Amino acid sequence: MSELTRPAPASVAAPVSGAVPVPAGLQTFLALDFGIKRTGFAVGNRLMRTAQPQGTISAEGDARFVKIAQHIKEWQPDALVVGVPFHPDGAAHENTLRARKFARQLHGRFKLPVFEVDERYTTTEALSMGAKDADAAAACIILEQFLRSIP
């Protein structure tokens, strides 16, 4: 089951269990499945509680943020959702820290609320469903998990 986090004061993500209090005004979300070389993304909305994969950004560093800015401009989300990987036992690892840093950078650059979702097994699930773009499909799974968790 997914553990969700929300931005705490000073936009440092703090873990919480169960449903995440998400202000009702946040309706449209862009989710990102962060990877060192590729970042999948999906969009979805609170009303339908569904998401649609939108592709993969194949870029690193500032080039990645330029492409993300283009997608934010196109989709105009109210908030962002970032998948954060953990070991099967829930322990953090190097990519956990990278994804959380990425989430903080998104908040700092785009001034949007950023929510984190435990993304264990999302890529495996996407591949088992036959996804042609596993990164985008994983972002879709991450976003749908998030949307199902909010009231």
Protein backbone atom coordinates (compact mmCIF):
# COMPACT_ATOMS: atom_id res chain seq x y z
CA MET A 1 0.00 0.00 0.00
CA SER A 2 1.28 3.47 -0.76
CA GLU A 3 2.56 5.87 1.83
CA LEU A 4 1.93 9.45 0.83
CA THR A 5 3.67 12.60 1.90
CA ARG A 6 2.76 16.24 1.69
CA PRO A 7 4.77 19.41 1.78
CA ALA A 8 5.47 20.55 5.32
CA PRO A 9 6.52 24.09 6.26
CA ALA A 10 9.48 25.29 4.20
CA SER A 11 8.36 22.76 1.56
CA VAL A 12 10.18 19.85 3.17
CA ALA A 13 8.24 16.65 2.54
CA ALA A 14 7.11 14.90 5.70
CA PRO A 15 5.63 11.38 5.74
CA VAL A 16 2.03 10.89 6.74
CA SER A 17 -0.11 7.79 6.79
CA GLY A 18 -3.50 7.32 5.20
CA ALA A 19 -5.25 10.02 3.23
CA VAL A 20 -3.37 13.22 2.57
CA PRO A 21 -5.21 16.47 3.20
CA VAL A 22 -5.31 18.02 -0.25
CA PRO A 23 -7.10 21.36 -0.51
CA ALA A 24 -10.32 21.09 -2.53
CA GLY A 25 -9.11 23.80 -4.91
CA LEU A 26 -6.42 21.47 -6.23
CA GLN A 27 -8.16 19.65 -9.06
CA THR A 28 -5.63 18.97 -11.83
CA PHE A 29 -2.37 17.14 -11.25
CA LEU A 30 0.74 16.33 -13.24
CA ALA A 31 2.63 13.28 -11.99
CA LEU A 32 6.28 12.53 -12.58
CA ASP A 33 8.02 9.16 -12.35
CA PHE A 34 11.54 10.47 -11.75
CA GLY A 35 14.52 8.65 -13.22
CA ILE A 36 18.12 9.70 -13.68
CA LYS A 37 17.89 9.61 -17.49
CA ARG A 38 14.12 9.46 -18.13
CA THR A 39 11.11 10.92 -16.35
CA GLY A 40 7.65 9.65 -17.21
CA PHE A 41 4.69 11.93 -16.79
CA ALA A 42 0.93 11.70 -16.63
CA VAL A 43 -1.97 14.07 -16.04
CA GLY A 44 -5.20 13.53 -14.19
CA ASN A 45 -7.93 15.20 -12.24
CA ARG A 46 -9.61 14.84 -8.92
CA LEU A 47 -13.16 14.69 -10.26
CA MET A 48 -12.66 11.60 -12.43
CA ARG A 49 -9.87 10.13 -10.26
CA THR A 50 -8.18 8.91 -13.41
CA ALA A 51 -4.90 9.68 -15.11
CA GLN A 52 -3.56 9.43 -18.63
CA PRO A 53 0.09 8.75 -19.48
CA GLN A 54 1.58 11.57 -21.54
CA GLY A 55 5.07 10.42 -22.43
CA THR A 56 8.61 10.45 -21.19
CA ILE A 57 11.10 13.27 -20.85
CA SER A 58 14.54 12.05 -21.90
CA ALA A 59 16.72 14.76 -20.42
CA GLU A 60 18.84 15.48 -17.39
CA GLY A 61 19.64 18.55 -15.29
CA ASP A 62 18.30 21.91 -16.41
CA ALA A 63 17.16 20.46 -19.76
CA ARG A 64 14.72 18.24 -17.82
CA PHE A 65 13.26 21.29 -16.05
CA VAL A 66 12.86 23.17 -19.34
CA LYS A 67 10.77 20.28 -20.69
CA ILE A 68 8.78 20.01 -17.46
CA ALA A 69 8.07 23.75 -17.67
CA GLN A 70 6.63 23.21 -21.16
CA HIS A 71 4.31 20.50 -19.84
CA ILE A 72 3.26 22.66 -16.89
CA LYS A 73 2.45 25.49 -19.28
CA GLU A 74 0.45 23.13 -21.52
CA TRP A 75 -1.48 21.29 -18.79
CA GLN A 76 -1.61 24.03 -16.12
CA PRO A 77 -1.80 21.64 -13.16
CA ASP A 78 -2.79 22.85 -9.72
CA ALA A 79 -0.16 20.59 -8.13
CA LEU A 80 2.53 18.06 -8.93
CA VAL A 81 2.88 14.46 -7.74
CA VAL A 82 6.28 12.76 -7.63
CA GLY A 83 6.90 9.05 -7.27
CA VAL A 84 9.49 8.25 -4.61
CA PRO A 85 11.09 4.77 -4.71
CA PHE A 86 11.84 2.63 -1.66
CA HIS A 87 13.26 -0.83 -1.08
CA PRO A 88 10.60 -3.57 -0.74
CA ASP A 89 10.93 -3.36 3.06
CA GLY A 90 10.23 0.38 2.99
CA ALA A 91 13.82 1.47 3.55
CA ALA A 92 15.11 4.50 1.70
CA HIS A 93 17.98 4.22 -0.79
CA GLU A 94 20.00 6.51 -3.05
CA ASN A 95 17.18 7.02 -5.57
CA THR A 96 14.78 7.84 -2.72
CA LEU A 97 17.00 10.80 -1.86
CA ARG A 98 17.30 11.81 -5.52
CA ALA A 99 13.52 11.74 -6.05
CA ARG A 100 12.92 13.79 -2.91
CA LYS A 101 15.51 16.34 -4.01
CA PHE A 102 13.78 16.47 -7.39
CA ALA A 103 10.43 17.10 -5.64
CA ARG A 104 11.96 20.01 -3.67
CA GLN A 105 13.47 21.43 -6.87
CA LEU A 106 10.08 21.28 -8.61
CA HIS A 107 8.46 23.16 -5.74
CA GLY A 108 11.23 25.76 -5.74
CA ARG A 109 11.18 26.32 -9.50
CA PHE A 110 7.46 26.19 -10.23
CA LYS A 111 5.93 27.30 -6.90
CA LEU A 112 3.31 24.55 -7.08
CA PRO A 113 2.40 22.18 -4.26
CA VAL A 114 4.29 18.91 -4.64
CA PHE A 115 3.03 15.64 -3.17
CA GLU A 116 5.13 12.48 -2.92
CA VAL A 117 3.82 8.96 -3.47
CA ASP A 118 5.59 5.72 -2.62
CA GLU A 119 6.15 4.25 -6.06
CA ARG A 120 7.31 0.74 -5.21
CA TYR A 121 6.57 -1.69 -8.05
CA THR A 122 4.89 0.85 -10.37
CA THR A 123 7.30 0.19 -13.23
CA THR A 124 6.93 -3.56 -12.71
CA GLU A 125 3.15 -3.15 -12.77
CA ALA A 126 3.32 -1.01 -15.91
CA LEU A 127 5.46 -3.60 -17.69
CA SER A 128 3.18 -6.46 -16.60
CA MET A 129 0.26 -4.58 -18.17
CA GLY A 130 2.18 -4.43 -21.45
CA ALA A 131 2.97 -0.71 -21.40
CA LYS A 132 5.01 0.46 -24.38
CA ASP A 133 6.26 3.44 -22.37
CA ALA A 134 6.83 2.03 -18.88
CA ASP A 135 7.90 5.38 -17.42
CA ALA A 136 4.74 7.20 -18.53
CA ALA A 137 2.57 4.26 -17.46
CA ALA A 138 4.29 4.23 -14.04
CA ALA A 139 3.57 7.97 -13.68
CA CYS A 140 -0.07 7.19 -14.48
CA ILE A 141 -0.17 4.48 -11.79
CA ILE A 142 1.47 6.86 -9.29
CA LEU A 143 -1.11 9.54 -10.02
CA GLU A 144 -4.08 7.18 -9.82
CA GLN A 145 -2.81 5.90 -6.44
CA PHE A 146 -2.63 9.48 -5.25
CA LEU A 147 -6.08 10.40 -6.61
CA ARG A 148 -7.65 7.36 -4.92
CA SER A 149 -6.12 8.38 -1.59
CA ILE A 150 -7.67 11.85 -1.40
CA PRO A 151 -11.24 12.48 -0.25
